[in-house]
């Protein structure tokens, strides 16, 4: 991601479900794009310390959408095992 998210965005915020404190963390997320699995690393996310609910800022969601739609070359490619039940 080439844009930065404001540090401390979630500071002092509370979870809408349980009232727990929200802290900022980095996580990886996956999305399906045209039948292809895409991994987006180091995504800033607000996470409730009590119930684990995740919150994404509008700015982060916009950056993710732009990254997926862009024709930029992926940073790297990985193999993913697939299981079926």
PDB file of N, CA and C in Angstrom:
ATOM      1  N   UNK A   1       0.847  -1.178   0.000  1.00  0.00           N
ATOM      2  CA  UNK A   1       0.000   0.000   0.000  1.00  0.00           C
ATOM      3  C   UNK A   1       0.888   1.235   0.000  1.00  0.00           C
ATOM      4  N   UNK A   2       0.584   2.144  -0.866  1.00  0.00           N
ATOM      5  CA  UNK A   2       1.448   3.298  -0.989  1.00  0.00           C
ATOM      6  C   UNK A   2       0.950   4.503  -0.210  1.00  0.00           C
ATOM      7  N   UNK A   3      -0.228   4.427   0.376  1.00  0.00           N
ATOM      8  CA  UNK A   3      -0.723   5.515   1.205  1.00  0.00           C
ATOM      9  C   UNK A   3      -0.606   5.100   2.661  1.00  0.00           C
ATOM     10  N   UNK A   4      -0.460   6.071   3.539  1.00  0.00           N
ATOM     11  CA  UNK A   4      -0.314   5.779   4.961  1.00  0.00           C
ATOM     12  C   UNK A   4      -1.612   6.078   5.694  1.00  0.00           C
ATOM     13  N   UNK A   5      -1.849   5.313   6.740  1.00  0.00           N
ATOM     14  CA  UNK A   5      -3.011   5.518   7.595  1.00  0.00           C
ATOM     15  C   UNK A   5      -2.552   6.302   8.811  1.00  0.00           C
ATOM     16  N   UNK A   6      -3.377   7.235   9.248  1.00  0.00           N
ATOM     17  CA  UNK A   6      -3.040   8.081  10.389  1.00  0.00           C
ATOM     18  C   UNK A   6      -2.795   7.236  11.635  1.00  0.00           C
ATOM     19  N   UNK A   7      -1.633   7.429  12.266  1.00  0.00           N
ATOM     20  CA  UNK A   7      -1.287   6.693  13.481  1.00  0.00           C
ATOM     21  C   UNK A   7      -2.237   7.089  14.606  1.00  0.00           C
ATOM     22  N   UNK A   8      -2.596   6.106  15.430  1.00  0.00           N
ATOM     23  CA  UNK A   8      -3.462   6.380  16.565  1.00  0.00           C
ATOM     24  C   UNK A   8      -4.917   6.598  16.202  1.00  0.00           C
ATOM     25  N   UNK A   9      -5.327   6.149  15.038  1.00  0.00           N
ATOM     26  CA  UNK A   9      -6.685   6.364  14.560  1.00  0.00           C
ATOM     27  C   UNK A   9      -7.718   5.804  15.532  1.00  0.00           C
ATOM     28  N   UNK A  10      -7.449   4.651  16.130  1.00  0.00           N
ATOM     29  CA  UNK A  10      -8.419   3.984  17.006  1.00  0.00           C
ATOM     30  C   UNK A  10      -8.262   4.351  18.474  1.00  0.00           C
ATOM     31  N   UNK A  11      -7.322   5.206  18.792  1.00  0.00           N
ATOM     32  CA  UNK A  11      -7.056   5.566  20.195  1.00  0.00           C
ATOM     33  C   UNK A  11      -8.314   6.117  20.874  1.00  0.00           C
ATOM     34  N   UNK A  12      -8.666   5.510  21.993  1.00  0.00           N
ATOM     35  CA  UNK A  12      -9.816   5.960  22.782  1.00  0.00           C
ATOM     36  C   UNK A  12     -11.161   5.459  22.279  1.00  0.00           C
ATOM     37  N   UNK A  13     -11.186   4.719  21.186  1.00  0.00           N
ATOM     38  CA  UNK A  13     -12.453   4.218  20.635  1.00  0.00           C
ATOM     39  C   UNK A  13     -12.884   2.953  21.364  1.00  0.00           C
ATOM     40  N   UNK A  14     -14.195   2.744  21.430  1.00  0.00           N
ATOM     41  CA  UNK A  14     -14.783   1.589  22.108  1.00  0.00           C
ATOM     42  C   UNK A  14     -15.599   0.759  21.121  1.00  0.00           C
ATOM     43  N   UNK A  15     -15.665  -0.533  21.360  1.00  0.00           N
ATOM     44  CA  UNK A  15     -16.409  -1.470  20.527  1.00  0.00           C
ATOM     45  C   UNK A  15     -17.902  -1.190  20.634  1.00  0.00           C
ATOM     46  N   UNK A  16     -18.560  -1.182  19.488  1.00  0.00           N
ATOM     47  CA  UNK A  16     -19.999  -0.934  19.468  1.00  0.00           C
ATOM     48  C   UNK A  16     -20.797  -2.118  20.001  1.00  0.00           C
ATOM     49  N   UNK A  17     -20.196  -3.299  20.105  1.00  0.00           N
ATOM     50  CA  UNK A  17     -20.899  -4.490  20.562  1.00  0.00           C
ATOM     51  C   UNK A  17     -20.738  -4.751  22.051  1.00  0.00           C
ATOM     52  N   UNK A  18     -19.506  -4.644  22.562  1.00  0.00           N
ATOM     53  CA  UNK A  18     -19.278  -4.993  23.971  1.00  0.00           C
ATOM     54  C   UNK A  18     -18.712  -3.850  24.805  1.00  0.00           C
ATOM     55  N   UNK A  19     -18.333  -2.752  24.155  1.00  0.00           N
ATOM     56  CA  UNK A  19     -17.778  -1.613  24.884  1.00  0.00           C
ATOM     57  C   UNK A  19     -16.298  -1.730  25.191  1.00  0.00           C
ATOM     58  N   UNK A  20     -15.666  -2.803  24.720  1.00  0.00           N
ATOM     59  CA  UNK A  20     -14.240  -3.008  24.957  1.00  0.00           C
ATOM     60  C   UNK A  20     -13.390  -1.975  24.231  1.00  0.00           C
ATOM     61  N   UNK A  21     -12.180  -1.813  24.688  1.00  0.00           N
ATOM     62  CA  UNK A  21     -11.236  -0.874  24.092  1.00  0.00           C
ATOM     63  C   UNK A  21     -10.743  -1.413  22.754  1.00  0.00           C
ATOM     64  N   UNK A  22     -10.674  -0.546  21.752  1.00  0.00           N
ATOM     65  CA  UNK A  22     -10.179  -0.925  20.433  1.00  0.00           C
ATOM     66  C   UNK A  22      -8.711  -0.517  20.330  1.00  0.00           C
ATOM     67  N   UNK A  23      -7.882  -1.461  19.909  1.00  0.00           N
ATOM     68  CA  UNK A  23      -6.457  -1.196  19.724  1.00  0.00           C
ATOM     69  C   UNK A  23      -6.098  -1.437  18.263  1.00  0.00           C
ATOM     70  N   UNK A  24      -5.096  -0.722  17.792  1.00  0.00           N
ATOM     71  CA  UNK A  24      -4.670  -0.889  16.406  1.00  0.00           C
ATOM     72  C   UNK A  24      -3.644  -1.999  16.301  1.00  0.00           C
ATOM     73  N   UNK A  25      -3.838  -2.855  15.298  1.00  0.00           N
ATOM     74  CA  UNK A  25      -2.911  -3.942  15.006  1.00  0.00           C
ATOM     75  C   UNK A  25      -2.719  -4.002  13.500  1.00  0.00           C
ATOM     76  N   UNK A  26      -1.810  -4.841  13.073  1.00  0.00           N
ATOM     77  CA  UNK A  26      -1.606  -5.116  11.644  1.00  0.00           C
ATOM     78  C   UNK A  26      -2.005  -6.565  11.416  1.00  0.00           C
ATOM     79  N   UNK A  27      -2.672  -6.826  10.307  1.00  0.00           N
ATOM     80  CA  UNK A  27      -3.096  -8.174   9.989  1.00  0.00           C
ATOM     81  C   UNK A  27      -2.990  -8.410   8.488  1.00  0.00           C
ATOM     82  N   UNK A  28      -3.099  -9.639   8.094  1.00  0.00           N
ATOM     83  CA  UNK A  28      -3.153  -9.997   6.685  1.00  0.00           C
ATOM     84  C   UNK A  28      -4.587 -10.400   6.378  1.00  0.00           C
ATOM     85  N   UNK A  29      -5.078 -10.022   5.204  1.00  0.00           N
ATOM     86  CA  UNK A  29      -6.421 -10.426   4.799  1.00  0.00           C
ATOM     87  C   UNK A  29      -6.374 -11.037   3.415  1.00  0.00           C
ATOM     88  N   UNK A  30      -7.332 -11.897   3.138  1.00  0.00           N
ATOM     89  CA  UNK A  30      -7.442 -12.502   1.812  1.00  0.00           C
ATOM     90  C   UNK A  30      -8.763 -12.080   1.187  1.00  0.00           C
ATOM     91  N   UNK A  31      -8.753 -11.956  -0.118  1.00  0.00           N
ATOM     92  CA  UNK A  31      -9.953 -11.623  -0.885  1.00  0.00           C
ATOM     93  C   UNK A  31      -9.924 -12.427  -2.174  1.00  0.00           C
ATOM     94  N   UNK A  32     -11.089 -12.771  -2.676  1.00  0.00           N
ATOM     95  CA  UNK A  32     -11.188 -13.428  -3.982  1.00  0.00           C
ATOM     96  C   UNK A  32     -11.447 -12.349  -5.029  1.00  0.00           C
ATOM     97  N   UNK A  33     -10.626 -12.367  -6.068  1.00  0.00           N
ATOM     98  CA  UNK A  33     -10.767 -11.426  -7.171  1.00  0.00           C
ATOM     99  C   UNK A  33     -10.749 -12.230  -8.460  1.00  0.00           C
ATOM    100  N   UNK A  34     -11.893 -12.267  -9.137  1.00  0.00           N
ATOM    101  CA  UNK A  34     -12.012 -13.015 -10.390  1.00  0.00           C
ATOM    102  C   UNK A  34     -11.484 -14.444 -10.249  1.00  0.00           C
ATOM    103  N   UNK A  35     -11.977 -15.148  -9.254  1.00  0.00           N
ATOM    104  CA  UNK A  35     -11.637 -16.553  -8.965  1.00  0.00           C
ATOM    105  C   UNK A  35     -10.187 -16.758  -8.548  1.00  0.00           C
ATOM    106  N   UNK A  36      -9.511 -15.678  -8.222  1.00  0.00           N
ATOM    107  CA  UNK A  36      -8.126 -15.776  -7.772  1.00  0.00           C
ATOM    108  C   UNK A  36      -8.050 -15.278  -6.334  1.00  0.00           C
ATOM    109  N   UNK A  37      -7.308 -15.991  -5.493  1.00  0.00           N
ATOM    110  CA  UNK A  37      -7.126 -15.591  -4.106  1.00  0.00           C
ATOM    111  C   UNK A  37      -6.011 -14.559  -4.022  1.00  0.00           C
ATOM    112  N   UNK A  38      -6.287 -13.440  -3.355  1.00  0.00           N
ATOM    113  CA  UNK A  38      -5.311 -12.360  -3.206  1.00  0.00           C
ATOM    114  C   UNK A  38      -5.029 -12.157  -1.719  1.00  0.00           C
ATOM    115  N   UNK A  39      -3.773 -12.054  -1.367  1.00  0.00           N
ATOM    116  CA  UNK A  39      -3.348 -11.801   0.016  1.00  0.00           C
ATOM    117  C   UNK A  39      -2.872 -10.356   0.126  1.00  0.00           C
ATOM    118  N   UNK A  40      -3.402  -9.642   1.100  1.00  0.00           N
ATOM    119  CA  UNK A  40      -2.970  -8.264   1.353  1.00  0.00           C
ATOM    120  C   UNK A  40      -2.350  -8.252   2.744  1.00  0.00           C
ATOM    121  N   UNK A  41      -1.074  -7.910   2.817  1.00  0.00           N
ATOM    122  CA  UNK A  41      -0.323  -7.977   4.071  1.00  0.00           C
ATOM    123  C   UNK A  41      -0.271  -6.628   4.781  1.00  0.00           C
ATOM    124  N   UNK A  42      -0.064  -6.700   6.090  1.00  0.00           N
ATOM    125  CA  UNK A  42       0.175  -5.525   6.942  1.00  0.00           C
ATOM    126  C   UNK A  42      -0.949  -4.500   6.877  1.00  0.00           C
ATOM    127  N   UNK A  43      -2.182  -4.965   6.938  1.00  0.00           N
ATOM    128  CA  UNK A  43      -3.349  -4.089   6.898  1.00  0.00           C
ATOM    129  C   UNK A  43      -3.622  -3.560   8.307  1.00  0.00           C
ATOM    130  N   UNK A  44      -3.660  -2.230   8.493  1.00  0.00           N
ATOM    131  CA  UNK A  44      -3.983  -1.688   9.809  1.00  0.00           C
ATOM    132  C   UNK A  44      -5.462  -1.914  10.117  1.00  0.00           C
ATOM    133  N   UNK A  45      -5.736  -2.422  11.299  1.00  0.00           N
ATOM    134  CA  UNK A  45      -7.103  -2.747  11.692  1.00  0.00           C
ATOM    135  C   UNK A  45      -7.281  -2.413  13.174  1.00  0.00           C
ATOM    136  N   UNK A  46      -8.462  -1.952  13.528  1.00  0.00           N
ATOM    137  CA  UNK A  46      -8.810  -1.767  14.935  1.00  0.00           C
ATOM    138  C   UNK A  46      -9.412  -3.058  15.431  1.00  0.00           C
ATOM    139  N   UNK A  47      -8.928  -3.575  16.565  1.00  0.00           N
ATOM    140  CA  UNK A  47      -9.419  -4.838  17.106  1.00  0.00           C
ATOM    141  C   UNK A  47      -9.860  -4.627  18.551  1.00  0.00           C
ATOM    142  N   UNK A  48     -11.080  -5.069  18.864  1.00  0.00           N
ATOM    143  CA  UNK A  48     -11.583  -4.968  20.230  1.00  0.00           C
ATOM    144  C   UNK A  48     -10.802  -5.927  21.122  1.00  0.00           C
ATOM    145  N   UNK A  49     -10.289  -5.433  22.230  1.00  0.00           N
ATOM    146  CA  UNK A  49      -9.514  -6.260  23.153  1.00  0.00           C
ATOM    147  C   UNK A  49     -10.380  -7.277  23.880  1.00  0.00           C
ATOM    148  N   UNK A  50     -11.694  -7.057  23.936  1.00  0.00           N
ATOM    149  CA  UNK A  50     -12.595  -7.959  24.654  1.00  0.00           C
ATOM    150  C   UNK A  50     -13.177  -9.052  23.759  1.00  0.00           C
ATOM    151  N   UNK A  51     -13.809  -8.660  22.660  1.00  0.00           N
ATOM    152  CA  UNK A  51     -14.520  -9.645  21.833  1.00  0.00           C
ATOM    153  C   UNK A  51     -13.844  -9.950  20.496  1.00  0.00           C
ATOM    154  N   UNK A  52     -12.824  -9.167  20.114  1.00  0.00           N
ATOM    155  CA  UNK A  52     -12.080  -9.444  18.887  1.00  0.00           C
ATOM    156  C   UNK A  52     -12.683  -8.881  17.615  1.00  0.00           C
ATOM    157  N   UNK A  53     -13.792  -8.137  17.727  1.00  0.00           N
ATOM    158  CA  UNK A  53     -14.389  -7.540  16.537  1.00  0.00           C
ATOM    159  C   UNK A  53     -13.361  -6.658  15.832  1.00  0.00           C
ATOM    160  N   UNK A  54     -13.308  -6.761  14.506  1.00  0.00           N
ATOM    161  CA  UNK A  54     -12.362  -5.966  13.717  1.00  0.00           C
ATOM    162  C   UNK A  54     -13.065  -4.779  13.090  1.00  0.00           C
ATOM    163  N   UNK A  55     -12.352  -3.660  13.063  1.00  0.00           N
ATOM    164  CA  UNK A  55     -12.852  -2.427  12.458  1.00  0.00           C
ATOM    165  C   UNK A  55     -11.819  -1.927  11.457  1.00  0.00           C
ATOM    166  N   UNK A  56     -12.293  -1.603  10.256  1.00  0.00           N
ATOM    167  CA  UNK A  56     -11.426  -1.061   9.217  1.00  0.00           C
ATOM    168  C   UNK A  56     -11.854   0.374   8.934  1.00  0.00           C
ATOM    169  N   UNK A  57     -10.908   1.282   8.887  1.00  0.00           N
ATOM    170  CA  UNK A  57     -11.252   2.666   8.562  1.00  0.00           C
ATOM    171  C   UNK A  57     -11.620   2.762   7.082  1.00  0.00           C
ATOM    172  N   UNK A  58     -12.407   3.757   6.744  1.00  0.00           N
ATOM    173  CA  UNK A  58     -12.814   3.965   5.349  1.00  0.00           C
ATOM    174  C   UNK A  58     -11.591   4.152   4.458  1.00  0.00           C
ATOM    175  N   UNK A  59     -10.580   4.838   4.965  1.00  0.00           N
ATOM    176  CA  UNK A  59      -9.359   5.076   4.201  1.00  0.00           C
ATOM    177  C   UNK A  59      -8.655   3.757   3.865  1.00  0.00           C
ATOM    178  N   UNK A  60      -8.584   2.853   4.832  1.00  0.00           N
ATOM    179  CA  UNK A  60      -7.946   1.552   4.600  1.00  0.00           C
ATOM    180  C   UNK A  60      -8.738   0.748   3.576  1.00  0.00           C
ATOM    181  N   UNK A  61     -10.067   0.737   3.689  1.00  0.00           N
ATOM    182  CA  UNK A  61     -10.895   0.005   2.733  1.00  0.00           C
ATOM    183  C   UNK A  61     -10.723   0.559   1.322  1.00  0.00           C
ATOM    184  N   UNK A  62     -10.593   1.869   1.210  1.00  0.00           N
ATOM    185  CA  UNK A  62     -10.375   2.502  -0.101  1.00  0.00           C
ATOM    186  C   UNK A  62      -9.024   2.077  -0.681  1.00  0.00           C
ATOM    187  N   UNK A  63      -7.998   2.063   0.143  1.00  0.00           N
ATOM    188  CA  UNK A  63      -6.660   1.664  -0.317  1.00  0.00           C
ATOM    189  C   UNK A  63      -6.666   0.198  -0.763  1.00  0.00           C
ATOM    190  N   UNK A  64      -7.366  -0.666  -0.004  1.00  0.00           N
ATOM    191  CA  UNK A  64      -7.459  -2.077  -0.373  1.00  0.00           C
ATOM    192  C   UNK A  64      -8.144  -2.220  -1.730  1.00  0.00           C
ATOM    193  N   UNK A  65      -9.273  -1.547  -1.899  1.00  0.00           N
ATOM    194  CA  UNK A  65     -10.006  -1.625  -3.169  1.00  0.00           C
ATOM    195  C   UNK A  65      -9.151  -1.137  -4.326  1.00  0.00           C
ATOM    196  N   UNK A  66      -8.434  -0.044  -4.141  1.00  0.00           N
ATOM    197  CA  UNK A  66      -7.566   0.483  -5.190  1.00  0.00           C
ATOM    198  C   UNK A  66      -6.434  -0.485  -5.505  1.00  0.00           C
ATOM    199  N   UNK A  67      -5.883  -1.125  -4.475  1.00  0.00           N
ATOM    200  CA  UNK A  67      -4.795  -2.078  -4.684  1.00  0.00           C
ATOM    201  C   UNK A  67      -5.268  -3.279  -5.480  1.00  0.00           C
ATOM    202  N   UNK A  68      -6.462  -3.763  -5.171  1.00  0.00           N
ATOM    203  CA  UNK A  68      -6.999  -4.929  -5.866  1.00  0.00           C
ATOM    204  C   UNK A  68      -7.340  -4.594  -7.319  1.00  0.00           C
ATOM    205  N   UNK A  69      -7.895  -3.408  -7.551  1.00  0.00           N
ATOM    206  CA  UNK A  69      -8.292  -3.013  -8.915  1.00  0.00           C
ATOM    207  C   UNK A  69      -7.111  -2.643  -9.795  1.00  0.00           C
ATOM    208  N   UNK A  70      -6.017  -2.235  -9.186  1.00  0.00           N
ATOM    209  CA  UNK A  70      -4.877  -1.760  -9.980  1.00  0.00           C
ATOM    210  C   UNK A  70      -4.254  -2.904 -10.764  1.00  0.00           C
ATOM    211  N   UNK A  71      -3.563  -2.549 -11.774  1.00  0.00           N
ATOM    212  CA  UNK A  71      -2.879  -3.538 -12.609  1.00  0.00           C
ATOM    213  C   UNK A  71      -1.409  -3.676 -12.184  1.00  0.00           C
ATOM    214  N   UNK A  72      -1.076  -3.153 -11.012  1.00  0.00           N
ATOM    215  CA  UNK A  72       0.303  -3.246 -10.528  1.00  0.00           C
ATOM    216  C   UNK A  72       0.694  -4.704 -10.311  1.00  0.00           C
ATOM    217  N   UNK A  73       1.946  -4.974 -10.516  1.00  0.00           N
ATOM    218  CA  UNK A  73       2.470  -6.316 -10.310  1.00  0.00           C
ATOM    219  C   UNK A  73       2.481  -6.630  -8.819  1.00  0.00           C
ATOM    220  N   UNK A  74       2.089  -7.852  -8.480  1.00  0.00           N
ATOM    221  CA  UNK A  74       2.093  -8.287  -7.081  1.00  0.00           C
ATOM    222  C   UNK A  74       3.523  -8.285  -6.548  1.00  0.00           C
ATOM    223  N   UNK A  75       3.650  -8.031  -5.264  1.00  0.00           N
ATOM    224  CA  UNK A  75       4.957  -8.007  -4.597  1.00  0.00           C
ATOM    225  C   UNK A  75       5.645  -9.363  -4.709  1.00  0.00           C
ATOM    226  N   UNK A  76       4.852 -10.431  -4.569  1.00  0.00           N
ATOM    227  CA  UNK A  76       5.367 -11.790  -4.699  1.00  0.00           C
ATOM    228  C   UNK A  76       4.184 -12.737  -4.863  1.00  0.00           C
ATOM    229  N   UNK A  77       4.466 -13.979  -5.222  1.00  0.00           N
ATOM    230  CA  UNK A  77       3.442 -15.008  -5.376  1.00  0.00           C
ATOM    231  C   UNK A  77       3.772 -16.153  -4.429  1.00  0.00           C
ATOM    232  N   UNK A  78       2.736 -16.780  -3.868  1.00  0.00           N
ATOM    233  CA  UNK A  78       2.924 -17.918  -2.970  1.00  0.00           C
ATOM    234  C   UNK A  78       1.977 -19.035  -3.390  1.00  0.00           C
ATOM    235  N   UNK A  79       2.331 -20.261  -3.007  1.00  0.00           N
ATOM    236  CA  UNK A  79       1.453 -21.411  -3.240  1.00  0.00           C
ATOM    237  C   UNK A  79       0.571 -21.597  -2.018  1.00  0.00           C
ATOM    238  N   UNK A  80      -0.683 -21.999  -2.252  1.00  0.00           N
ATOM    239  CA  UNK A  80      -1.621 -22.188  -1.163  1.00  0.00           C
ATOM    240  C   UNK A  80      -2.201 -23.600  -1.261  1.00  0.00           C
ATOM    241  N   UNK A  81      -2.076 -24.411  -0.199  1.00  0.00           N
ATOM    242  CA  UNK A  81      -2.712 -25.731  -0.247  1.00  0.00           C
ATOM    243  C   UNK A  81      -4.235 -25.578  -0.213  1.00  0.00           C
ATOM    244  N   UNK A  82      -4.921 -26.468  -0.927  1.00  0.00           N
ATOM    245  CA  UNK A  82      -6.387 -26.436  -0.975  1.00  0.00           C
ATOM    246  C   UNK A  82      -6.920 -27.765  -0.480  1.00  0.00           C
ATOM    247  N   UNK A  83      -7.856 -27.706   0.454  1.00  0.00           N
ATOM    248  CA  UNK A  83      -8.485 -28.895   1.008  1.00  0.00           C
ATOM    249  C   UNK A  83      -9.977 -28.849   0.703  1.00  0.00           C
ATOM    250  N   UNK A  84     -10.585 -29.991   0.594  1.00  0.00           N
ATOM    251  CA  UNK A  84     -12.021 -30.072   0.344  1.00  0.00           C
ATOM    252  C   UNK A  84     -12.633 -31.057   1.333  1.00  0.00           C
ATOM    253  N   UNK A  85     -13.814 -30.744   1.808  1.00  0.00           N
ATOM    254  CA  UNK A  85     -14.504 -31.633   2.749  1.00  0.00           C
ATOM    255  C   UNK A  85     -15.701 -32.269   2.107  1.00  0.00           C
TER     256      UNK A  85
END
